[in-house]
């Protein structure tokens, strides 16, 4: 199965901090699992794992 990637941008202060420190400022993420309303993501450097609501997330914006 082919690995799916999406790009995200931080919205909240907490997400911005994690973006810089844990994700090294890289927008692309691997989709580890996908459900109807959520993506379960892994940063490219494999240091940060998080969930993003596909429709309305208070921490992350999907920018693909």
PDB file of N, CA and C in Angstrom:
ATOM      1  N   UNK A   1       0.836  -1.181   0.000  1.00  0.00           N
ATOM      2  CA  UNK A   1       0.000   0.000   0.000  1.00  0.00           C
ATOM      3  C   UNK A   1       0.886   1.252   0.000  1.00  0.00           C
ATOM      4  N   UNK A   2       0.539   2.221  -0.808  1.00  0.00           N
ATOM      5  CA  UNK A   2       1.305   3.447  -0.938  1.00  0.00           C
ATOM      6  C   UNK A   2       1.076   4.352   0.276  1.00  0.00           C
ATOM      7  N   UNK A   3       2.152   4.962   0.771  1.00  0.00           N
ATOM      8  CA  UNK A   3       2.070   5.874   1.908  1.00  0.00           C
ATOM      9  C   UNK A   3       1.439   7.184   1.466  1.00  0.00           C
ATOM     10  N   UNK A   4       0.484   7.668   2.254  1.00  0.00           N
ATOM     11  CA  UNK A   4      -0.181   8.930   1.961  1.00  0.00           C
ATOM     12  C   UNK A   4       0.451  10.026   2.811  1.00  0.00           C
ATOM     13  N   UNK A   5       0.627  11.198   2.219  1.00  0.00           N
ATOM     14  CA  UNK A   5       1.172  12.358   2.915  1.00  0.00           C
ATOM     15  C   UNK A   5       0.182  13.512   2.803  1.00  0.00           C
ATOM     16  N   UNK A   6       0.128  14.327   3.848  1.00  0.00           N
ATOM     17  CA  UNK A   6      -0.611  15.588   3.788  1.00  0.00           C
ATOM     18  C   UNK A   6       0.269  16.667   4.419  1.00  0.00           C
ATOM     19  N   UNK A   7      -0.034  17.908   4.115  1.00  0.00           N
ATOM     20  CA  UNK A   7       0.691  19.036   4.685  1.00  0.00           C
ATOM     21  C   UNK A   7      -0.218  19.760   5.672  1.00  0.00           C
ATOM     22  N   UNK A   8       0.362  20.171   6.769  1.00  0.00           N
ATOM     23  CA  UNK A   8      -0.387  20.884   7.794  1.00  0.00           C
ATOM     24  C   UNK A   8       0.342  22.172   8.165  1.00  0.00           C
ATOM     25  N   UNK A   9      -0.423  23.103   8.696  1.00  0.00           N
ATOM     26  CA  UNK A   9       0.122  24.365   9.177  1.00  0.00           C
ATOM     27  C   UNK A   9      -0.427  24.593  10.585  1.00  0.00           C
ATOM     28  N   UNK A  10       0.412  25.003  11.531  1.00  0.00           N
ATOM     29  CA  UNK A  10      -0.062  25.196  12.902  1.00  0.00           C
ATOM     30  C   UNK A  10      -0.928  26.443  13.045  1.00  0.00           C
ATOM     31  N   UNK A  11      -1.931  26.352  13.920  1.00  0.00           N
ATOM     32  CA  UNK A  11      -2.818  27.478  14.203  1.00  0.00           C
ATOM     33  C   UNK A  11      -2.611  27.966  15.633  1.00  0.00           C
ATOM     34  N   UNK A  12      -2.702  27.069  16.590  1.00  0.00           N
ATOM     35  CA  UNK A  12      -2.626  27.429  18.010  1.00  0.00           C
ATOM     36  C   UNK A  12      -1.178  27.619  18.460  1.00  0.00           C
ATOM     37  N   UNK A  13      -0.963  28.332  19.556  1.00  0.00           N
ATOM     38  CA  UNK A  13       0.396  28.498  20.087  1.00  0.00           C
ATOM     39  C   UNK A  13       1.067  27.162  20.415  1.00  0.00           C
ATOM     40  N   UNK A  14       0.320  26.223  20.958  1.00  0.00           N
ATOM     41  CA  UNK A  14       0.879  24.908  21.287  1.00  0.00           C
ATOM     42  C   UNK A  14       1.327  24.188  20.010  1.00  0.00           C
ATOM     43  N   UNK A  15       0.497  24.230  18.971  1.00  0.00           N
ATOM     44  CA  UNK A  15       0.835  23.589  17.705  1.00  0.00           C
ATOM     45  C   UNK A  15       2.048  24.258  17.065  1.00  0.00           C
ATOM     46  N   UNK A  16       2.149  25.583  17.166  1.00  0.00           N
ATOM     47  CA  UNK A  16       3.291  26.305  16.605  1.00  0.00           C
ATOM     48  C   UNK A  16       4.585  25.891  17.294  1.00  0.00           C
ATOM     49  N   UNK A  17       4.528  25.710  18.603  1.00  0.00           N
ATOM     50  CA  UNK A  17       5.701  25.270  19.354  1.00  0.00           C
ATOM     51  C   UNK A  17       6.100  23.853  18.944  1.00  0.00           C
ATOM     52  N   UNK A  18       5.129  22.951  18.875  1.00  0.00           N
ATOM     53  CA  UNK A  18       5.405  21.572  18.449  1.00  0.00           C
ATOM     54  C   UNK A  18       5.926  21.530  17.013  1.00  0.00           C
ATOM     55  N   UNK A  19       5.386  22.394  16.171  1.00  0.00           N
ATOM     56  CA  UNK A  19       5.809  22.464  14.771  1.00  0.00           C
ATOM     57  C   UNK A  19       7.293  22.806  14.674  1.00  0.00           C
ATOM     58  N   UNK A  20       7.721  23.785  15.448  1.00  0.00           N
ATOM     59  CA  UNK A  20       9.122  24.214  15.405  1.00  0.00           C
ATOM     60  C   UNK A  20      10.061  23.228  16.100  1.00  0.00           C
ATOM     61  N   UNK A  21       9.688  22.781  17.292  1.00  0.00           N
ATOM     62  CA  UNK A  21      10.591  21.953  18.086  1.00  0.00           C
ATOM     63  C   UNK A  21      10.561  20.473  17.723  1.00  0.00           C
ATOM     64  N   UNK A  22       9.388  19.919  17.539  1.00  0.00           N
ATOM     65  CA  UNK A  22       9.244  18.487  17.308  1.00  0.00           C
ATOM     66  C   UNK A  22       9.253  18.108  15.827  1.00  0.00           C
ATOM     67  N   UNK A  23       8.666  18.967  15.005  1.00  0.00           N
ATOM     68  CA  UNK A  23       8.539  18.654  13.575  1.00  0.00           C
ATOM     69  C   UNK A  23       9.618  19.336  12.728  1.00  0.00           C
ATOM     70  N   UNK A  24      10.474  20.130  13.377  1.00  0.00           N
ATOM     71  CA  UNK A  24      11.576  20.829  12.706  1.00  0.00           C
ATOM     72  C   UNK A  24      11.107  21.746  11.578  1.00  0.00           C
ATOM     73  N   UNK A  25       9.870  22.246  11.694  1.00  0.00           N
ATOM     74  CA  UNK A  25       9.333  23.175  10.703  1.00  0.00           C
ATOM     75  C   UNK A  25       8.921  22.538   9.387  1.00  0.00           C
ATOM     76  N   UNK A  26       8.804  21.226   9.355  1.00  0.00           N
ATOM     77  CA  UNK A  26       8.412  20.521   8.126  1.00  0.00           C
ATOM     78  C   UNK A  26       6.898  20.332   8.078  1.00  0.00           C
ATOM     79  N   UNK A  27       6.270  20.797   7.025  1.00  0.00           N
ATOM     80  CA  UNK A  27       4.810  20.761   6.913  1.00  0.00           C
ATOM     81  C   UNK A  27       4.255  19.384   6.545  1.00  0.00           C
ATOM     82  N   UNK A  28       4.999  18.597   5.799  1.00  0.00           N
ATOM     83  CA  UNK A  28       4.504  17.289   5.354  1.00  0.00           C
ATOM     84  C   UNK A  28       4.481  16.282   6.495  1.00  0.00           C
ATOM     85  N   UNK A  29       3.451  15.445   6.501  1.00  0.00           N
ATOM     86  CA  UNK A  29       3.301  14.395   7.505  1.00  0.00           C
ATOM     87  C   UNK A  29       2.813  13.117   6.838  1.00  0.00           C
ATOM     88  N   UNK A  30       3.210  11.993   7.389  1.00  0.00           N
ATOM     89  CA  UNK A  30       2.718  10.697   6.935  1.00  0.00           C
ATOM     90  C   UNK A  30       1.370  10.428   7.598  1.00  0.00           C
ATOM     91  N   UNK A  31       0.437   9.915   6.836  1.00  0.00           N
ATOM     92  CA  UNK A  31      -0.845   9.491   7.400  1.00  0.00           C
ATOM     93  C   UNK A  31      -0.656   8.054   7.877  1.00  0.00           C
ATOM     94  N   UNK A  32      -0.691   7.858   9.187  1.00  0.00           N
ATOM     95  CA  UNK A  32      -0.527   6.527   9.762  1.00  0.00           C
ATOM     96  C   UNK A  32      -1.842   5.759   9.751  1.00  0.00           C
ATOM     97  N   UNK A  33      -2.945   6.498   9.896  1.00  0.00           N
ATOM     98  CA  UNK A  33      -4.280   5.894   9.919  1.00  0.00           C
ATOM     99  C   UNK A  33      -5.278   6.986   9.560  1.00  0.00           C
ATOM    100  N   UNK A  34      -6.347   6.613   8.914  1.00  0.00           N
ATOM    101  CA  UNK A  34      -7.374   7.583   8.526  1.00  0.00           C
ATOM    102  C   UNK A  34      -8.745   7.029   8.867  1.00  0.00           C
ATOM    103  N   UNK A  35      -9.560   7.873   9.466  1.00  0.00           N
ATOM    104  CA  UNK A  35     -10.959   7.547   9.748  1.00  0.00           C
ATOM    105  C   UNK A  35     -11.827   8.596   9.075  1.00  0.00           C
ATOM    106  N   UNK A  36     -13.124   8.487   9.226  1.00  0.00           N
ATOM    107  CA  UNK A  36     -14.040   9.417   8.561  1.00  0.00           C
ATOM    108  C   UNK A  36     -13.717  10.877   8.851  1.00  0.00           C
ATOM    109  N   UNK A  37     -13.484  11.205  10.123  1.00  0.00           N
ATOM    110  CA  UNK A  37     -13.298  12.594  10.513  1.00  0.00           C
ATOM    111  C   UNK A  37     -11.874  12.949  10.923  1.00  0.00           C
ATOM    112  N   UNK A  38     -10.987  11.970  11.028  1.00  0.00           N
ATOM    113  CA  UNK A  38      -9.661  12.239  11.580  1.00  0.00           C
ATOM    114  C   UNK A  38      -8.529  11.629  10.760  1.00  0.00           C
ATOM    115  N   UNK A  39      -7.396  12.339  10.779  1.00  0.00           N
ATOM    116  CA  UNK A  39      -6.123  11.802  10.318  1.00  0.00           C
ATOM    117  C   UNK A  39      -5.268  11.559  11.554  1.00  0.00           C
ATOM    118  N   UNK A  40      -4.569  10.447  11.589  1.00  0.00           N
ATOM    119  CA  UNK A  40      -3.578  10.162  12.615  1.00  0.00           C
ATOM    120  C   UNK A  40      -2.233  10.282  11.918  1.00  0.00           C
ATOM    121  N   UNK A  41      -1.451  11.283  12.321  1.00  0.00           N
ATOM    122  CA  UNK A  41      -0.275  11.670  11.559  1.00  0.00           C
ATOM    123  C   UNK A  41       1.031  11.423  12.305  1.00  0.00           C
ATOM    124  N   UNK A  42       2.094  11.292  11.518  1.00  0.00           N
ATOM    125  CA  UNK A  42       3.451  11.154  12.026  1.00  0.00           C
ATOM    126  C   UNK A  42       4.312  12.188  11.307  1.00  0.00           C
ATOM    127  N   UNK A  43       5.113  12.934  12.058  1.00  0.00           N
ATOM    128  CA  UNK A  43       6.013  13.905  11.443  1.00  0.00           C
ATOM    129  C   UNK A  43       7.064  13.170  10.609  1.00  0.00           C
ATOM    130  N   UNK A  44       7.650  13.858   9.655  1.00  0.00           N
ATOM    131  CA  UNK A  44       8.641  13.236   8.780  1.00  0.00           C
ATOM    132  C   UNK A  44       9.858  12.724   9.540  1.00  0.00           C
ATOM    133  N   UNK A  45      10.211  13.401  10.631  1.00  0.00           N
ATOM    134  CA  UNK A  45      11.364  12.961  11.416  1.00  0.00           C
ATOM    135  C   UNK A  45      11.000  11.887  12.455  1.00  0.00           C
ATOM    136  N   UNK A  46       9.732  11.468  12.469  1.00  0.00           N
ATOM    137  CA  UNK A  46       9.218  10.414  13.353  1.00  0.00           C
ATOM    138  C   UNK A  46       9.346  10.749  14.843  1.00  0.00           C
ATOM    139  N   UNK A  47       9.332  12.054  15.156  1.00  0.00           N
ATOM    140  CA  UNK A  47       9.447  12.499  16.542  1.00  0.00           C
ATOM    141  C   UNK A  47       8.103  12.941  17.127  1.00  0.00           C
ATOM    142  N   UNK A  48       7.114  13.172  16.271  1.00  0.00           N
ATOM    143  CA  UNK A  48       5.852  13.735  16.759  1.00  0.00           C
ATOM    144  C   UNK A  48       4.677  13.033  16.077  1.00  0.00           C
ATOM    145  N   UNK A  49       3.745  12.569  16.889  1.00  0.00           N
ATOM    146  CA  UNK A  49       2.532  11.901  16.419  1.00  0.00           C
ATOM    147  C   UNK A  49       1.338  12.689  16.932  1.00  0.00           C
ATOM    148  N   UNK A  50       0.359  12.928  16.054  1.00  0.00           N
ATOM    149  CA  UNK A  50      -0.791  13.726  16.469  1.00  0.00           C
ATOM    150  C   UNK A  50      -2.002  13.426  15.592  1.00  0.00           C
ATOM    151  N   UNK A  51      -3.147  13.909  16.050  1.00  0.00           N
ATOM    152  CA  UNK A  51      -4.417  13.701  15.364  1.00  0.00           C
ATOM    153  C   UNK A  51      -4.931  15.038  14.845  1.00  0.00           C
ATOM    154  N   UNK A  52      -5.496  15.024  13.642  1.00  0.00           N
ATOM    155  CA  UNK A  52      -6.076  16.232  13.065  1.00  0.00           C
ATOM    156  C   UNK A  52      -7.500  15.931  12.631  1.00  0.00           C
ATOM    157  N   UNK A  53      -8.420  16.769  13.080  1.00  0.00           N
ATOM    158  CA  UNK A  53      -9.809  16.680  12.646  1.00  0.00           C
ATOM    159  C   UNK A  53      -9.867  17.209  11.218  1.00  0.00           C
ATOM    160  N   UNK A  54     -10.418  16.434  10.297  1.00  0.00           N
ATOM    161  CA  UNK A  54     -10.442  16.804   8.880  1.00  0.00           C
ATOM    162  C   UNK A  54     -11.274  18.055   8.609  1.00  0.00           C
ATOM    163  N   UNK A  55     -12.320  18.259   9.375  1.00  0.00           N
ATOM    164  CA  UNK A  55     -13.255  19.345   9.088  1.00  0.00           C
ATOM    165  C   UNK A  55     -12.943  20.628   9.841  1.00  0.00           C
ATOM    166  N   UNK A  56     -12.639  20.531  11.123  1.00  0.00           N
ATOM    167  CA  UNK A  56     -12.438  21.737  11.922  1.00  0.00           C
ATOM    168  C   UNK A  56     -11.523  21.411  13.095  1.00  0.00           C
ATOM    169  N   UNK A  57     -10.251  21.678  12.937  1.00  0.00           N
ATOM    170  CA  UNK A  57      -9.293  21.401  13.994  1.00  0.00           C
ATOM    171  C   UNK A  57      -8.814  22.726  14.586  1.00  0.00           C
ATOM    172  N   UNK A  58      -8.767  22.817  15.903  1.00  0.00           N
ATOM    173  CA  UNK A  58      -8.385  24.071  16.551  1.00  0.00           C
ATOM    174  C   UNK A  58      -6.867  24.270  16.594  1.00  0.00           C
ATOM    175  N   UNK A  59      -6.095  23.230  16.296  1.00  0.00           N
ATOM    176  CA  UNK A  59      -4.636  23.331  16.360  1.00  0.00           C
ATOM    177  C   UNK A  59      -3.942  23.354  15.003  1.00  0.00           C
ATOM    178  N   UNK A  60      -4.547  22.678  14.024  1.00  0.00           N
ATOM    179  CA  UNK A  60      -3.891  22.496  12.721  1.00  0.00           C
ATOM    180  C   UNK A  60      -4.830  22.786  11.562  1.00  0.00           C
ATOM    181  N   UNK A  61      -4.257  23.339  10.483  1.00  0.00           N
ATOM    182  CA  UNK A  61      -4.977  23.570   9.232  1.00  0.00           C
ATOM    183  C   UNK A  61      -4.357  22.629   8.190  1.00  0.00           C
ATOM    184  N   UNK A  62      -5.171  21.905   7.474  1.00  0.00           N
ATOM    185  CA  UNK A  62      -4.691  21.035   6.403  1.00  0.00           C
ATOM    186  C   UNK A  62      -4.478  21.921   5.166  1.00  0.00           C
ATOM    187  N   UNK A  63      -3.262  21.909   4.635  1.00  0.00           N
ATOM    188  CA  UNK A  63      -2.959  22.785   3.500  1.00  0.00           C
ATOM    189  C   UNK A  63      -2.648  22.024   2.220  1.00  0.00           C
ATOM    190  N   UNK A  64      -2.497  20.720   2.300  1.00  0.00           N
ATOM    191  CA  UNK A  64      -2.198  19.838   1.161  1.00  0.00           C
ATOM    192  C   UNK A  64      -1.525  20.612   0.090  1.00  0.00           C
TER     193      UNK A  64
END
